[in-house]
Amino acid sequence: MSANFNNSAWFYDKLSRLVFGRAIINAQVYLLQYIPENANILIVGGGTGWLLDEITKLQASGLTIAYVEVSSKMTALSKKRNIGHNRVTFINEAIEDADLHPGFDTVITPFLFDNFTEQTLQKVFKSINVLLKPGGLWLNCNFQLSGKWWQRFLLKSMFLFFRLICSIEASKLPDIEKQFEALGYEIIAERAFYGEFMISRIYKQ
């Protein structure tokens, strides 16, 4: 059974803020300063869509955004967001099934890859990679283990909770960095959050 966050749509943001404060928000907002003007953007797994509000604060017009979210309830919430004069197309499908054309200037994957096993990660990663134009930017954030004891405890609790509620398939973090390295991506900027439990990186190929 594939993961679906419909069951958590109504409380997801509140829960993340209860556990992490503003860290999850800050980790994603950090990425947005790197979006070029008039960019054609692909957002995969945007959740409830608050990221669209934050993008609009920085660039209220000129952007074309494909917003891909597999949860119908998350997508419905996202459609209520402030998009300013930007053009947003909402696609309620898995990225592997979405009918999209290559040529995006920027890809944003906010805490997307943590949900997958190694095998699924490779498949999803390749589906996104072919859509980013040469020289484009890939803005990604995810959880990481940096050696602190509490990180493993918190991560196990998170995986258990979301496997029960949303049927995510992962029970441990996949090797996300390996995927970027294999395709020759370079890190051009990065910042860690919440005691290095979260990492935000800007990649360029």
Protein backbone atom coordinates (compact mmCIF):
# COMPACT_ATOMS: atom_id res chain seq x y z
CA MET A 1 0.00 0.00 0.00
CA SER A 2 1.48 3.36 -1.01
CA ALA A 3 1.73 6.25 1.42
CA ASN A 4 -1.06 8.77 1.52
CA PHE A 5 -1.21 11.68 3.92
CA ASN A 6 -4.98 12.21 3.65
CA ASN A 7 -5.40 10.91 7.19
CA SER A 8 -3.02 13.52 8.59
CA ALA A 9 -3.93 16.53 6.44
CA TRP A 10 -6.02 18.22 9.11
CA PHE A 11 -3.38 18.07 11.86
CA TYR A 12 -0.06 17.66 10.02
CA ASP A 13 1.17 21.27 10.29
CA LYS A 14 0.08 21.62 13.92
CA LEU A 15 1.81 18.38 14.86
CA SER A 16 5.08 19.32 13.16
CA ARG A 17 5.11 22.67 14.96
CA LEU A 18 4.32 21.03 18.28
CA VAL A 19 7.29 18.68 17.90
CA PHE A 20 9.80 20.86 16.05
CA GLY A 21 8.69 24.45 16.64
CA ARG A 22 9.49 26.49 13.55
CA ALA A 23 12.42 24.30 12.48
CA ILE A 24 10.58 22.45 9.69
CA ILE A 25 9.24 25.78 8.42
CA ASN A 26 12.64 27.47 8.59
CA ALA A 27 14.36 24.57 6.83
CA GLN A 28 12.03 24.97 3.85
CA VAL A 29 11.86 28.77 3.81
CA TYR A 30 15.67 28.85 3.68
CA LEU A 31 15.50 27.22 0.25
CA LEU A 32 13.16 29.80 -1.28
CA GLN A 33 15.68 32.63 -1.52
CA TYR A 34 17.39 30.64 -4.27
CA ILE A 35 14.39 30.63 -6.63
CA PRO A 36 15.29 32.72 -9.69
CA GLU A 37 12.93 35.43 -10.93
CA ASN A 38 10.32 34.29 -13.48
CA ALA A 39 11.26 30.68 -12.82
CA ASN A 40 9.36 27.60 -13.94
CA ILE A 41 9.15 25.60 -10.69
CA LEU A 42 8.28 22.02 -9.83
CA ILE A 43 7.23 21.35 -6.21
CA VAL A 44 6.88 17.68 -5.30
CA GLY A 45 5.19 16.73 -2.04
CA GLY A 46 4.26 20.22 -0.94
CA GLY A 47 1.80 19.05 1.71
CA THR A 48 -0.78 21.59 2.88
CA GLY A 49 0.67 24.26 0.64
CA TRP A 50 1.86 26.84 3.16
CA LEU A 51 5.05 26.95 1.10
CA LEU A 52 3.07 28.72 -1.62
CA ASP A 53 2.26 31.52 0.82
CA GLU A 54 5.96 31.89 1.60
CA ILE A 55 6.94 31.89 -2.08
CA THR A 56 4.37 34.62 -2.76
CA LYS A 57 5.90 36.78 0.00
CA LEU A 58 9.20 36.70 -1.88
CA GLN A 59 7.91 36.74 -5.46
CA ALA A 60 4.25 37.68 -5.92
CA SER A 61 4.30 37.40 -9.70
CA GLY A 62 6.20 35.96 -12.64
CA LEU A 63 6.49 32.39 -11.42
CA THR A 64 5.00 29.31 -13.06
CA ILE A 65 4.55 26.47 -10.59
CA ALA A 66 3.60 22.82 -11.02
CA TYR A 67 2.45 21.63 -7.60
CA VAL A 68 2.47 17.84 -7.36
CA GLU A 69 0.91 16.28 -4.25
CA VAL A 70 -0.41 12.71 -4.00
CA SER A 71 -2.84 13.45 -1.14
CA SER A 72 -6.17 14.84 -2.35
CA LYS A 73 -6.87 16.46 1.02
CA MET A 74 -3.46 18.12 1.10
CA THR A 75 -4.06 19.34 -2.47
CA ALA A 76 -7.45 20.79 -1.49
CA LEU A 77 -5.82 22.74 1.35
CA SER A 78 -3.06 23.93 -0.98
CA LYS A 79 -5.58 25.40 -3.41
CA LYS A 80 -6.72 27.83 -0.71
CA ARG A 81 -3.28 29.40 -0.38
CA ASN A 82 -2.23 32.87 -1.51
CA ILE A 83 -0.44 32.52 -4.84
CA GLY A 84 -0.47 36.22 -5.74
CA HIS A 85 -0.16 36.66 -9.49
CA ASN A 86 1.89 33.52 -9.95
CA ARG A 87 0.49 30.69 -12.08
CA VAL A 88 0.04 27.41 -10.23
CA THR A 89 -1.11 24.10 -11.67
CA PHE A 90 -2.18 21.60 -9.00
CA ILE A 91 -1.54 17.95 -9.86
CA ASN A 92 -3.02 15.39 -7.48
CA GLU A 93 -0.86 12.41 -8.48
CA ALA A 94 2.38 10.69 -7.64
CA ILE A 95 5.26 12.33 -9.49
CA GLU A 96 5.95 9.08 -11.38
CA ASP A 97 2.45 9.27 -12.88
CA ALA A 98 2.26 13.01 -13.55
CA ASP A 99 2.21 14.13 -17.19
CA LEU A 100 4.90 16.80 -17.09
CA HIS A 101 7.38 18.07 -19.65
CA PRO A 102 11.11 18.54 -18.95
CA GLY A 103 12.52 22.04 -18.65
CA PHE A 104 11.91 23.20 -15.09
CA ASP A 105 14.35 25.84 -13.82
CA THR A 106 13.93 24.81 -10.20
CA VAL A 107 12.77 21.71 -8.36
CA ILE A 108 11.71 21.79 -4.70
CA THR A 109 11.43 18.55 -2.71
CA PRO A 110 10.59 19.42 0.92
CA PHE A 111 11.02 16.41 3.22
CA LEU A 112 9.82 14.15 0.40
CA PHE A 113 12.49 11.47 0.17
CA ASP A 114 12.41 10.51 3.86
CA ASN A 115 9.17 8.61 3.18
CA PHE A 116 10.68 6.07 0.78
CA THR A 117 12.66 2.87 0.84
CA GLU A 118 15.93 2.86 -1.09
CA GLN A 119 14.29 1.19 -4.10
CA THR A 120 11.38 3.63 -4.33
CA LEU A 121 13.69 6.59 -3.76
CA GLN A 122 15.70 5.69 -6.86
CA LYS A 123 12.55 5.50 -8.96
CA VAL A 124 11.12 8.79 -7.68
CA PHE A 125 14.47 10.55 -7.91
CA LYS A 126 14.90 9.59 -11.56
CA SER A 127 11.35 10.72 -12.36
CA ILE A 128 12.13 14.17 -10.97
CA ASN A 129 15.66 14.43 -12.34
CA VAL A 130 14.57 14.15 -15.99
CA LEU A 131 12.25 17.14 -15.51
CA LEU A 132 14.96 19.56 -14.34
CA LYS A 133 16.71 21.40 -17.13
CA PRO A 134 20.53 21.32 -17.38
CA GLY A 135 21.99 23.87 -14.99
CA GLY A 136 18.76 24.11 -13.01
CA LEU A 137 18.58 24.21 -9.22
CA TRP A 138 17.30 21.41 -7.00
CA LEU A 139 16.23 22.66 -3.57
CA ASN A 140 15.91 19.79 -1.10
CA CYS A 141 15.52 19.33 2.64
CA ASN A 142 15.35 16.14 4.62
CA PHE A 143 16.08 14.61 8.00
CA GLN A 144 19.54 13.28 8.74
CA LEU A 145 21.37 11.48 11.51
CA SER A 146 24.41 13.41 12.68
CA GLY A 147 25.32 11.14 15.59
CA LYS A 148 23.18 12.51 18.41
CA TRP A 149 21.37 9.84 20.43
CA TRP A 150 18.00 11.61 20.50
CA GLN A 151 17.85 11.80 16.70
CA ARG A 152 17.52 8.02 16.34
CA PHE A 153 14.84 7.88 19.01
CA LEU A 154 12.84 10.69 17.44
CA LEU A 155 13.25 9.28 13.95
CA LYS A 156 12.02 5.82 15.00
CA SER A 157 8.98 7.40 16.66
CA MET A 158 8.21 9.41 13.52
CA PHE A 159 8.47 6.43 11.20
CA LEU A 160 6.28 4.31 13.47
CA PHE A 161 3.61 7.01 13.72
CA PHE A 162 3.41 7.72 9.99
CA ARG A 163 3.51 4.04 9.06
CA LEU A 164 0.43 3.53 11.22
CA ILE A 165 -1.45 6.69 10.18
CA CYS A 166 -0.35 7.20 6.57
CA SER A 167 1.12 3.84 5.50
CA ILE A 168 4.53 5.23 4.57
CA GLU A 169 6.83 2.41 3.49
CA ALA A 170 10.08 3.59 5.09
CA SER A 171 11.35 2.46 8.45
CA LYS A 172 14.77 4.09 8.15
CA LEU A 173 16.30 6.97 6.23
CA PRO A 174 17.34 6.10 2.67
CA ASP A 175 20.69 7.33 1.33
CA ILE A 176 19.42 10.53 -0.28
CA GLU A 177 22.82 12.15 -0.77
CA LYS A 178 23.99 9.11 -2.76
CA GLN A 179 21.35 9.83 -5.42
CA PHE A 180 22.55 13.39 -5.93
CA GLU A 181 26.21 12.35 -6.01
CA ALA A 182 25.56 9.58 -8.54
CA LEU A 183 24.18 12.09 -11.04
CA GLY A 184 26.91 14.66 -10.53
CA TYR A 185 25.05 17.24 -8.47
CA GLU A 186 27.12 19.72 -6.47
CA ILE A 187 26.02 21.39 -3.24
CA ILE A 188 26.20 25.16 -3.73
CA ALA A 189 24.67 26.12 -0.38
CA GLU A 190 23.45 24.32 2.74
CA ARG A 191 22.22 24.90 6.25
CA ALA A 192 21.35 22.57 9.13
CA PHE A 193 18.42 23.00 11.52
CA TYR A 194 17.14 21.56 14.80
CA GLY A 195 20.43 20.32 16.19
CA GLU A 196 21.53 19.14 12.72
CA PHE A 197 18.53 16.79 12.52
CA MET A 198 17.37 18.58 9.35
CA ILE A 199 19.48 19.61 6.39
CA SER A 200 18.57 22.01 3.59
CA ARG A 201 20.68 21.97 0.47
CA ILE A 202 20.75 23.69 -2.90
CA TYR A 203 22.10 21.48 -5.67
CA LYS A 204 23.26 22.24 -9.18
CA GLN A 205 24.31 19.72 -11.84
